[in-house]
PDB file of N, CA and C in Angstrom:
ATOM      1  N   MET A   1      76.641 -10.917 123.118  1.00  0.00           N
ATOM      2  CA  MET A   1      76.212 -10.111 121.989  1.00  0.00           C
ATOM      3  C   MET A   1      76.825 -10.673 120.706  1.00  0.00           C
ATOM      4  N   GLN A   2      75.987 -10.916 119.691  1.00  0.00           N
ATOM      5  CA  GLN A   2      76.504 -11.480 118.457  1.00  0.00           C
ATOM      6  C   GLN A   2      76.975 -10.372 117.519  1.00  0.00           C
ATOM      7  N   SER A   3      77.852 -10.752 116.581  1.00  0.00           N
ATOM      8  CA  SER A   3      78.393  -9.751 115.662  1.00  0.00           C
ATOM      9  C   SER A   3      77.280  -9.206 114.772  1.00  0.00           C
ATOM     10  N   ALA A   4      77.500  -8.033 114.244  1.00  0.00           N
ATOM     11  CA  ALA A   4      76.502  -7.365 113.401  1.00  0.00           C
ATOM     12  C   ALA A   4      76.429  -8.052 112.047  1.00  0.00           C
ATOM     13  N   LYS A   5      75.606  -9.075 111.961  1.00  0.00           N
ATOM     14  CA  LYS A   5      75.425  -9.829 110.715  1.00  0.00           C
ATOM     15  C   LYS A   5      74.233  -9.221 109.989  1.00  0.00           C
ATOM     16  N   ILE A   6      74.421  -8.851 108.734  1.00  0.00           N
ATOM     17  CA  ILE A   6      73.314  -8.207 108.027  1.00  0.00           C
ATOM     18  C   ILE A   6      72.433  -9.252 107.348  1.00  0.00           C
ATOM     19  N   ASP A   7      71.171  -8.914 107.204  1.00  0.00           N
ATOM     20  CA  ASP A   7      70.221  -9.762 106.497  1.00  0.00           C
ATOM     21  C   ASP A   7      70.352  -9.441 105.008  1.00  0.00           C
ATOM     22  N   VAL A   8      71.019 -10.330 104.282  1.00  0.00           N
ATOM     23  CA  VAL A   8      71.338 -10.096 102.879  1.00  0.00           C
ATOM     24  C   VAL A   8      70.072  -9.891 102.054  1.00  0.00           C
ATOM     25  N   ASN A   9      69.065 -10.740 102.254  1.00  0.00           N
ATOM     26  CA  ASN A   9      67.822 -10.622 101.480  1.00  0.00           C
ATOM     27  C   ASN A   9      67.166  -9.265 101.683  1.00  0.00           C
ATOM     28  N   LYS A  10      67.109  -8.820 102.935  1.00  0.00           N
ATOM     29  CA  LYS A  10      66.484  -7.536 103.232  1.00  0.00           C
ATOM     30  C   LYS A  10      67.274  -6.401 102.585  1.00  0.00           C
ATOM     31  N   GLN A  11      68.593  -6.469 102.645  1.00  0.00           N
ATOM     32  CA  GLN A  11      69.423  -5.408 102.069  1.00  0.00           C
ATOM     33  C   GLN A  11      69.324  -5.392 100.539  1.00  0.00           C
ATOM     34  N   ILE A  12      69.162  -6.568  99.921  1.00  0.00           N
ATOM     35  CA  ILE A  12      68.964  -6.631  98.468  1.00  0.00           C
ATOM     36  C   ILE A  12      67.639  -5.958  98.106  1.00  0.00           C
ATOM     37  N   GLN A  13      66.601  -6.228  98.894  1.00  0.00           N
ATOM     38  CA  GLN A  13      65.301  -5.604  98.638  1.00  0.00           C
ATOM     39  C   GLN A  13      65.380  -4.090  98.769  1.00  0.00           C
ATOM     40  N   ILE A  14      66.069  -3.602  99.795  1.00  0.00           N
ATOM     41  CA  ILE A  14      66.210  -2.152  99.985  1.00  0.00           C
ATOM     42  C   ILE A  14      67.006  -1.548  98.827  1.00  0.00           C
ATOM     43  N   ALA A  15      68.075  -2.223  98.421  1.00  0.00           N
ATOM     44  CA  ALA A  15      68.900  -1.716  97.316  1.00  0.00           C
ATOM     45  C   ALA A  15      68.100  -1.678  96.018  1.00  0.00           C
ATOM     46  N   SER A  16      67.244  -2.670  95.798  1.00  0.00           N
ATOM     47  CA  SER A  16      66.461  -2.686  94.562  1.00  0.00           C
ATOM     48  C   SER A  16      65.396  -1.588  94.553  1.00  0.00           C
ATOM     49  N   ARG A  17      64.913  -1.219  95.751  1.00  0.00           N
ATOM     50  CA  ARG A  17      63.905  -0.148  95.849  1.00  0.00           C
ATOM     51  C   ARG A  17      64.528   1.248  95.796  1.00  0.00           C
ATOM     52  N   THR A  18      65.650   1.441  96.484  1.00  0.00           N
ATOM     53  CA  THR A  18      66.182   2.795  96.661  1.00  0.00           C
ATOM     54  C   THR A  18      67.465   3.070  95.886  1.00  0.00           C
ATOM     55  N   GLY A  19      68.110   2.035  95.374  1.00  0.00           N
ATOM     56  CA  GLY A  19      69.370   2.232  94.665  1.00  0.00           C
ATOM     57  C   GLY A  19      69.247   1.872  93.199  1.00  0.00           C
ATOM     58  N   LYS A  20      70.374   1.537  92.599  1.00  0.00           N
ATOM     59  CA  LYS A  20      70.387   1.111  91.205  1.00  0.00           C
ATOM     60  C   LYS A  20      71.034  -0.253  91.139  1.00  0.00           C
ATOM     61  N   ILE A  21      70.273  -1.224  90.603  1.00  0.00           N
ATOM     62  CA  ILE A  21      70.795  -2.574  90.451  1.00  0.00           C
ATOM     63  C   ILE A  21      70.569  -3.033  89.017  1.00  0.00           C
ATOM     64  N   ALA A  22      71.271  -4.075  88.644  1.00  0.00           N
ATOM     65  CA  ALA A  22      71.060  -4.706  87.347  1.00  0.00           C
ATOM     66  C   ALA A  22      71.078  -6.209  87.570  1.00  0.00           C
ATOM     67  N   LEU A  23      70.242  -6.915  86.828  1.00  0.00           N
ATOM     68  CA  LEU A  23      70.115  -8.355  86.994  1.00  0.00           C
ATOM     69  C   LEU A  23      70.755  -9.088  85.827  1.00  0.00           C
ATOM     70  N   GLY A  24      71.321 -10.253  86.117  1.00  0.00           N
ATOM     71  CA  GLY A  24      71.823 -11.122  85.070  1.00  0.00           C
ATOM     72  C   GLY A  24      73.337 -11.162  84.959  1.00  0.00           C
ATOM     73  N   ALA A  25      73.829 -12.305  84.463  1.00  0.00           N
ATOM     74  CA  ALA A  25      75.261 -12.518  84.330  1.00  0.00           C
ATOM     75  C   ALA A  25      75.875 -11.638  83.247  1.00  0.00           C
ATOM     76  N   LYS A  26      75.146 -11.390  82.158  1.00  0.00           N
ATOM     77  CA  LYS A  26      75.686 -10.541  81.089  1.00  0.00           C
ATOM     78  C   LYS A  26      75.940  -9.126  81.600  1.00  0.00           C
ATOM     79  N   GLU A  27      74.980  -8.607  82.335  1.00  0.00           N
ATOM     80  CA  GLU A  27      75.128  -7.260  82.898  1.00  0.00           C
ATOM     81  C   GLU A  27      76.263  -7.226  83.925  1.00  0.00           C
ATOM     82  N   ALA A  28      76.379  -8.278  84.731  1.00  0.00           N
ATOM     83  CA  ALA A  28      77.448  -8.343  85.723  1.00  0.00           C
ATOM     84  C   ALA A  28      78.817  -8.375  85.037  1.00  0.00           C
ATOM     85  N   LEU A  29      78.913  -9.127  83.951  1.00  0.00           N
ATOM     86  CA  LEU A  29      80.174  -9.218  83.212  1.00  0.00           C
ATOM     87  C   LEU A  29      80.536  -7.867  82.598  1.00  0.00           C
ATOM     88  N   GLU A  30      79.562  -7.194  81.984  1.00  0.00           N
ATOM     89  CA  GLU A  30      79.794  -5.862  81.416  1.00  0.00           C
ATOM     90  C   GLU A  30      80.243  -4.884  82.501  1.00  0.00           C
ATOM     91  N   SER A  31      79.552  -4.911  83.629  1.00  0.00           N
ATOM     92  CA  SER A  31      79.875  -3.992  84.721  1.00  0.00           C
ATOM     93  C   SER A  31      81.263  -4.271  85.278  1.00  0.00           C
ATOM     94  N   ALA A  32      81.635  -5.539  85.339  1.00  0.00           N
ATOM     95  CA  ALA A  32      82.965  -5.900  85.836  1.00  0.00           C
ATOM     96  C   ALA A  32      84.047  -5.469  84.849  1.00  0.00           C
ATOM     97  N   LYS A  33      83.794  -5.658  83.557  1.00  0.00           N
ATOM     98  CA  LYS A  33      84.785  -5.288  82.540  1.00  0.00           C
ATOM     99  C   LYS A  33      85.085  -3.800  82.561  1.00  0.00           C
ATOM    100  N   PHE A  34      84.046  -2.987  82.736  1.00  0.00           N
ATOM    101  CA  PHE A  34      84.203  -1.539  82.641  1.00  0.00           C
ATOM    102  C   PHE A  34      84.133  -0.831  83.995  1.00  0.00           C
ATOM    103  N   ALA A  35      84.276  -1.586  85.080  1.00  0.00           N
ATOM    104  CA  ALA A  35      84.302  -1.045  86.449  1.00  0.00           C
ATOM    105  C   ALA A  35      83.108  -0.134  86.726  1.00  0.00           C
ATOM    106  N   ARG A  36      81.910  -0.607  86.375  1.00  0.00           N
ATOM    107  CA  ARG A  36      80.693   0.189  86.580  1.00  0.00           C
ATOM    108  C   ARG A  36      79.855  -0.309  87.752  1.00  0.00           C
ATOM    109  N   ALA A  37      80.428  -1.138  88.598  1.00  0.00           N
ATOM    110  CA  ALA A  37      79.675  -1.682  89.723  1.00  0.00           C
ATOM    111  C   ALA A  37      80.404  -1.390  91.027  1.00  0.00           C
ATOM    112  N   LYS A  38      79.635  -1.371  92.101  1.00  0.00           N
ATOM    113  CA  LYS A  38      80.234  -1.218  93.419  1.00  0.00           C
ATOM    114  C   LYS A  38      80.346  -2.574  94.113  1.00  0.00           C
ATOM    115  N   LEU A  39      79.454  -3.503  93.721  1.00  0.00           N
ATOM    116  CA  LEU A  39      79.443  -4.844  94.308  1.00  0.00           C
ATOM    117  C   LEU A  39      78.744  -5.785  93.345  1.00  0.00           C
ATOM    118  N   LEU A  40      79.269  -6.995  93.230  1.00  0.00           N
ATOM    119  CA  LEU A  40      78.620  -8.044  92.437  1.00  0.00           C
ATOM    120  C   LEU A  40      78.222  -9.167  93.380  1.00  0.00           C
ATOM    121  N   ILE A  41      77.012  -9.676  93.206  1.00  0.00           N
ATOM    122  CA  ILE A  41      76.528 -10.793  94.013  1.00  0.00           C
ATOM    123  C   ILE A  41      76.202 -11.935  93.064  1.00  0.00           C
ATOM    124  N   LEU A  42      76.830 -13.081  93.287  1.00  0.00           N
ATOM    125  CA  LEU A  42      76.613 -14.254  92.440  1.00  0.00           C
ATOM    126  C   LEU A  42      75.871 -15.320  93.222  1.00  0.00           C
ATOM    127  N   ALA A  43      74.886 -15.951  92.588  1.00  0.00           N
ATOM    128  CA  ALA A  43      74.161 -17.052  93.227  1.00  0.00           C
ATOM    129  C   ALA A  43      75.118 -18.229  93.398  1.00  0.00           C
ATOM    130  N   SER A  44      74.845 -19.060  94.374  1.00  0.00           N
ATOM    131  CA  SER A  44      75.734 -20.203  94.646  1.00  0.00           C
ATOM    132  C   SER A  44      75.797 -21.165  93.469  1.00  0.00           C
ATOM    133  N   ASN A  45      74.737 -21.208  92.650  1.00  0.00           N
ATOM    134  CA  ASN A  45      74.725 -22.117  91.506  1.00  0.00           C
ATOM    135  C   ASN A  45      74.926 -21.393  90.175  1.00  0.00           C
ATOM    136  N   CYS A  46      75.560 -20.231  90.219  1.00  0.00           N
ATOM    137  CA  CYS A  46      75.880 -19.501  88.986  1.00  0.00           C
ATOM    138  C   CYS A  46      76.777 -20.407  88.136  1.00  0.00           C
ATOM    139  N   PRO A  47      76.485 -20.549  86.830  1.00  0.00           N
ATOM    140  CA  PRO A  47      77.297 -21.438  85.982  1.00  0.00           C
ATOM    141  C   PRO A  47      78.789 -21.103  86.083  1.00  0.00           C
ATOM    142  N   GLU A  48      79.602 -22.140  86.177  1.00  0.00           N
ATOM    143  CA  GLU A  48      81.037 -21.979  86.421  1.00  0.00           C
ATOM    144  C   GLU A  48      81.727 -21.124  85.368  1.00  0.00           C
ATOM    145  N   SER A  49      81.333 -21.265  84.104  1.00  0.00           N
ATOM    146  CA  SER A  49      81.972 -20.476  83.045  1.00  0.00           C
ATOM    147  C   SER A  49      81.706 -18.980  83.247  1.00  0.00           C
ATOM    148  N   GLU A  50      80.472 -18.648  83.595  1.00  0.00           N
ATOM    149  CA  GLU A  50      80.126 -17.242  83.849  1.00  0.00           C
ATOM    150  C   GLU A  50      80.811 -16.740  85.113  1.00  0.00           C
ATOM    151  N   ARG A  51      80.816 -17.566  86.154  1.00  0.00           N
ATOM    152  CA  ARG A  51      81.450 -17.194  87.422  1.00  0.00           C
ATOM    153  C   ARG A  51      82.933 -16.875  87.211  1.00  0.00           C
ATOM    154  N   THR A  52      83.618 -17.718  86.454  1.00  0.00           N
ATOM    155  CA  THR A  52      85.047 -17.531  86.208  1.00  0.00           C
ATOM    156  C   THR A  52      85.312 -16.208  85.499  1.00  0.00           C
ATOM    157  N   ASP A  53      84.542 -15.927  84.442  1.00  0.00           N
ATOM    158  CA  ASP A  53      84.718 -14.676  83.691  1.00  0.00           C
ATOM    159  C   ASP A  53      84.427 -13.456  84.560  1.00  0.00           C
ATOM    160  N   ILE A  54      83.322 -13.498  85.294  1.00  0.00           N
ATOM    161  CA  ILE A  54      82.939 -12.369  86.147  1.00  0.00           C
ATOM    162  C   ILE A  54      83.997 -12.140  87.222  1.00  0.00           C
ATOM    163  N   MET A  55      84.470 -13.211  87.860  1.00  0.00           N
ATOM    164  CA  MET A  55      85.478 -13.096  88.914  1.00  0.00           C
ATOM    165  C   MET A  55      86.778 -12.504  88.366  1.00  0.00           C
ATOM    166  N   TYR A  56      87.166 -12.926  87.172  1.00  0.00           N
ATOM    167  CA  TYR A  56      88.393 -12.425  86.554  1.00  0.00           C
ATOM    168  C   TYR A  56      88.319 -10.914  86.351  1.00  0.00           C
ATOM    169  N   TYR A  57      87.262 -10.451  85.699  1.00  0.00           N
ATOM    170  CA  TYR A  57      87.132  -9.023  85.411  1.00  0.00           C
ATOM    171  C   TYR A  57      86.874  -8.202  86.673  1.00  0.00           C
ATOM    172  N   ALA A  58      86.175  -8.773  87.633  1.00  0.00           N
ATOM    173  CA  ALA A  58      85.937  -8.069  88.892  1.00  0.00           C
ATOM    174  C   ALA A  58      87.260  -7.842  89.618  1.00  0.00           C
ATOM    175  N   LYS A  59      88.128  -8.841  89.580  1.00  0.00           N
ATOM    176  CA  LYS A  59      89.432  -8.698  90.224  1.00  0.00           C
ATOM    177  C   LYS A  59      90.258  -7.624  89.518  1.00  0.00           C
ATOM    178  N   GLN A  60      90.208  -7.606  88.180  1.00  0.00           N
ATOM    179  CA  GLN A  60      90.938  -6.604  87.398  1.00  0.00           C
ATOM    180  C   GLN A  60      90.444  -5.192  87.722  1.00  0.00           C
ATOM    181  N   SER A  61      89.148  -5.053  87.958  1.00  0.00           N
ATOM    182  CA  SER A  61      88.537  -3.744  88.215  1.00  0.00           C
ATOM    183  C   SER A  61      88.417  -3.423  89.705  1.00  0.00           C
ATOM    184  N   ALA A  62      88.909  -4.314  90.560  1.00  0.00           N
ATOM    185  CA  ALA A  62      88.854  -4.135  92.019  1.00  0.00           C
ATOM    186  C   ALA A  62      87.420  -3.982  92.524  1.00  0.00           C
ATOM    187  N   ILE A  63      86.508  -4.792  91.971  1.00  0.00           N
ATOM    188  CA  ILE A  63      85.112  -4.790  92.414  1.00  0.00           C
ATOM    189  C   ILE A  63      84.912  -6.000  93.327  1.00  0.00           C
ATOM    190  N   PRO A  64      84.391  -5.792  94.529  1.00  0.00           N
ATOM    191  CA  PRO A  64      84.162  -6.931  95.419  1.00  0.00           C
ATOM    192  C   PRO A  64      83.046  -7.843  94.896  1.00  0.00           C
ATOM    193  N   VAL A  65      83.217  -9.149  95.130  1.00  0.00           N
ATOM    194  CA  VAL A  65      82.225 -10.142  94.713  1.00  0.00           C
ATOM    195  C   VAL A  65      81.788 -10.914  95.949  1.00  0.00           C
ATOM    196  N   HIS A  66      80.485 -11.034  96.119  1.00  0.00           N
ATOM    197  CA  HIS A  66      79.923 -11.799  97.238  1.00  0.00           C
ATOM    198  C   HIS A  66      79.165 -12.989  96.659  1.00  0.00           C
ATOM    199  N   THR A  67      79.406 -14.175  97.212  1.00  0.00           N
ATOM    200  CA  THR A  67      78.649 -15.346  96.782  1.00  0.00           C
ATOM    201  C   THR A  67      77.431 -15.482  97.675  1.00  0.00           C
ATOM    202  N   TYR A  68      76.267 -15.388  97.068  1.00  0.00           N
ATOM    203  CA  TYR A  68      74.989 -15.493  97.775  1.00  0.00           C
ATOM    204  C   TYR A  68      74.810 -16.938  98.236  1.00  0.00           C
ATOM    205  N   ALA A  69      74.321 -17.121  99.437  1.00  0.00           N
ATOM    206  CA  ALA A  69      74.206 -18.464 100.012  1.00  0.00           C
ATOM    207  C   ALA A  69      73.164 -19.325  99.299  1.00  0.00           C
ATOM    208  N   GLY A  70      72.151 -18.701  98.716  1.00  0.00           N
ATOM    209  CA  GLY A  70      71.079 -19.452  98.068  1.00  0.00           C
ATOM    210  C   GLY A  70      71.308 -19.659  96.584  1.00  0.00           C
ATOM    211  N   THR A  71      70.331 -20.291  95.961  1.00  0.00           N
ATOM    212  CA  THR A  71      70.400 -20.555  94.527  1.00  0.00           C
ATOM    213  C   THR A  71      69.933 -19.335  93.736  1.00  0.00           C
ATOM    214  N   SER A  72      69.963 -19.463  92.421  1.00  0.00           N
ATOM    215  CA  SER A  72      69.512 -18.373  91.562  1.00  0.00           C
ATOM    216  C   SER A  72      68.011 -18.122  91.725  1.00  0.00           C
ATOM    217  N   ILE A  73      67.267 -19.147  92.088  1.00  0.00           N
ATOM    218  CA  ILE A  73      65.828 -18.983  92.362  1.00  0.00           C
ATOM    219  C   ILE A  73      65.659 -18.107  93.605  1.00  0.00           C
ATOM    220  N   ASP A  74      66.451 -18.402  94.649  1.00  0.00           N
ATOM    221  CA  ASP A  74      66.393 -17.623  95.892  1.00  0.00           C
ATOM    222  C   ASP A  74      66.823 -16.175  95.657  1.00  0.00           C
ATOM    223  N   LEU A  75      67.856 -15.987  94.847  1.00  0.00           N
ATOM    224  CA  LEU A  75      68.341 -14.632  94.565  1.00  0.00           C
ATOM    225  C   LEU A  75      67.290 -13.849  93.781  1.00  0.00           C
ATOM    226  N   GLY A  76      66.618 -14.501  92.844  1.00  0.00           N
ATOM    227  CA  GLY A  76      65.527 -13.864  92.111  1.00  0.00           C
ATOM    228  C   GLY A  76      64.409 -13.435  93.045  1.00  0.00           C
ATOM    229  N   SER A  77      64.065 -14.294  93.985  1.00  0.00           N
ATOM    230  CA  SER A  77      63.018 -13.964  94.962  1.00  0.00           C
ATOM    231  C   SER A  77      63.429 -12.789  95.838  1.00  0.00           C
ATOM    232  N   ALA A  78      64.703 -12.769  96.237  1.00  0.00           N
ATOM    233  CA  ALA A  78      65.201 -11.672  97.071  1.00  0.00           C
ATOM    234  C   ALA A  78      65.122 -10.337  96.326  1.00  0.00           C
ATOM    235  N   CYS A  79      65.247 -10.394  95.007  1.00  0.00           N
ATOM    236  CA  CYS A  79      65.154  -9.182  94.180  1.00  0.00           C
ATOM    237  C   CYS A  79      63.705  -8.816  93.885  1.00  0.00           C
ATOM    238  N   GLY A  80      62.772  -9.668  94.306  1.00  0.00           N
ATOM    239  CA  GLY A  80      61.362  -9.419  94.051  1.00  0.00           C
ATOM    240  C   GLY A  80      60.928  -9.842  92.658  1.00  0.00           C
ATOM    241  N   LYS A  81      61.671 -10.743  92.048  1.00  0.00           N
ATOM    242  CA  LYS A  81      61.360 -11.198  90.690  1.00  0.00           C
ATOM    243  C   LYS A  81      60.890 -12.647  90.721  1.00  0.00           C
ATOM    244  N   ASN A  82      60.090 -13.015  89.725  1.00  0.00           N
ATOM    245  CA  ASN A  82      59.577 -14.382  89.626  1.00  0.00           C
ATOM    246  C   ASN A  82      60.376 -15.194  88.620  1.00  0.00           C
ATOM    247  N   PHE A  83      61.655 -14.901  88.500  1.00  0.00           N
ATOM    248  CA  PHE A  83      62.520 -15.665  87.605  1.00  0.00           C
ATOM    249  C   PHE A  83      63.893 -15.799  88.253  1.00  0.00           C
ATOM    250  N   VAL A  84      64.709 -16.695  87.699  1.00  0.00           N
ATOM    251  CA  VAL A  84      66.026 -16.941  88.278  1.00  0.00           C
ATOM    252  C   VAL A  84      66.973 -15.791  87.949  1.00  0.00           C
ATOM    253  N   VAL A  85      67.830 -15.476  88.907  1.00  0.00           N
ATOM    254  CA  VAL A  85      68.844 -14.433  88.746  1.00  0.00           C
ATOM    255  C   VAL A  85      70.172 -15.030  89.204  1.00  0.00           C
ATOM    256  N   SER A  86      71.079 -15.272  88.258  1.00  0.00           N
ATOM    257  CA  SER A  86      72.358 -15.882  88.631  1.00  0.00           C
ATOM    258  C   SER A  86      73.361 -14.857  89.123  1.00  0.00           C
ATOM    259  N   ALA A  87      73.179 -13.590  88.719  1.00  0.00           N
ATOM    260  CA  ALA A  87      74.100 -12.537  89.157  1.00  0.00           C
ATOM    261  C   ALA A  87      73.335 -11.235  89.349  1.00  0.00           C
ATOM    262  N   LEU A  88      73.763 -10.485  90.344  1.00  0.00           N
ATOM    263  CA  LEU A  88      73.147  -9.208  90.679  1.00  0.00           C
ATOM    264  C   LEU A  88      74.250  -8.165  90.761  1.00  0.00           C
ATOM    265  N   THR A  89      74.061  -7.054  90.076  1.00  0.00           N
ATOM    266  CA  THR A  89      75.041  -5.969  90.075  1.00  0.00           C
ATOM    267  C   THR A  89      74.491  -4.810  90.888  1.00  0.00           C
ATOM    268  N   ILE A  90      75.235  -4.389  91.892  1.00  0.00           N
ATOM    269  CA  ILE A  90      74.859  -3.218  92.681  1.00  0.00           C
ATOM    270  C   ILE A  90      75.618  -2.028  92.103  1.00  0.00           C
ATOM    271  N   LYS A  91      74.889  -1.128  91.455  1.00  0.00           N
ATOM    272  CA  LYS A  91      75.521   0.068  90.893  1.00  0.00           C
ATOM    273  C   LYS A  91      75.492   1.209  91.898  1.00  0.00           C
ATOM    274  N   GLU A  92      74.383   1.343  92.598  1.00  0.00           N
ATOM    275  CA  GLU A  92      74.224   2.324  93.682  1.00  0.00           C
ATOM    276  C   GLU A  92      73.482   1.626  94.816  1.00  0.00           C
ATOM    277  N   PRO A  93      74.020   1.610  96.038  1.00  0.00           N
ATOM    278  CA  PRO A  93      73.375   0.885  97.132  1.00  0.00           C
ATOM    279  C   PRO A  93      72.112   1.544  97.683  1.00  0.00           C
ATOM    280  N   GLY A  94      71.895   2.807  97.378  1.00  0.00           N
ATOM    281  CA  GLY A  94      70.711   3.483  97.913  1.00  0.00           C
ATOM    282  C   GLY A  94      70.769   3.560  99.433  1.00  0.00           C
ATOM    283  N   ASP A  95      69.654   3.280 100.084  1.00  0.00           N
ATOM    284  CA  ASP A  95      69.584   3.339 101.543  1.00  0.00           C
ATOM    285  C   ASP A  95      70.008   2.038 102.217  1.00  0.00           C
ATOM    286  N   SER A  96      70.405   1.042 101.428  1.00  0.00           N
ATOM    287  CA  SER A  96      70.756  -0.264 102.002  1.00  0.00           C
ATOM    288  C   SER A  96      72.159  -0.257 102.596  1.00  0.00           C
ATOM    289  N   GLU A  97      72.423  -1.279 103.395  1.00  0.00           N
ATOM    290  CA  GLU A  97      73.746  -1.478 103.976  1.00  0.00           C
ATOM    291  C   GLU A  97      74.460  -2.622 103.261  1.00  0.00           C
ATOM    292  N   ILE A  98      74.101  -2.862 102.009  1.00  0.00           N
ATOM    293  CA  ILE A  98      74.618  -4.000 101.253  1.00  0.00           C
ATOM    294  C   ILE A  98      76.128  -3.934 101.056  1.00  0.00           C
ATOM    295  N   MET A  99      76.700  -2.744 101.087  1.00  0.00           N
ATOM    296  CA  MET A  99      78.144  -2.619 100.874  1.00  0.00           C
ATOM    297  C   MET A  99      78.945  -3.223 102.011  1.00  0.00           C
ATOM    298  N   LYS A 100      78.302  -3.517 103.137  1.00  0.00           N
ATOM    299  CA  LYS A 100      78.982  -4.209 104.227  1.00  0.00           C
ATOM    300  C   LYS A 100      79.433  -5.600 103.803  1.00  0.00           C
ATOM    301  N   LEU A 101      78.773  -6.160 102.765  1.00  0.00           N
ATOM    302  CA  LEU A 101      79.179  -7.467 102.257  1.00  0.00           C
ATOM    303  C   LEU A 101      80.550  -7.390 101.585  1.00  0.00           C
ATOM    304  N   ALA A 102      80.905  -6.215 101.112  1.00  0.00           N
ATOM    305  CA  ALA A 102      82.167  -6.036 100.390  1.00  0.00           C
ATOM    306  C   ALA A 102      83.380  -6.191 101.310  1.00  0.00           C
ATOM    307  N   VAL A 103      83.191  -5.992 102.604  1.00  0.00           N
ATOM    308  CA  VAL A 103      84.323  -6.081 103.523  1.00  0.00           C
ATOM    309  C   VAL A 103      84.386  -7.416 104.253  1.00  0.00           C
ATOM    310  N   GLU A 104      83.408  -8.273 104.041  1.00  0.00           N
ATOM    311  CA  GLU A 104      83.410  -9.585 104.718  1.00  0.00           C
ATOM    312  C   GLU A 104      84.352 -10.545 104.052  1.00  0.00           C
TER     313      GLU A 104
END
């Protein structure tokens, strides 16, 4: 029996339908600065300057950060958008199990 590995793309889709999310690095940085997020997801190719700032403030606010395995194009597709998304902010997970990423 394999460990309970969640399908990140599916959970992102559920969170975007049933919860509250915000797209983009600026929103992720704001949410990290003011502790308004439950989880931040960064694309693997998120620009280093943005990644550093977001990680710093997320650590200060005790917000978990998950690095998405795909690129910003893949993360945009997972969100159901036709544009690149370098950062995704989960404000409310809704019916998704996305918060399981916070403990990995």
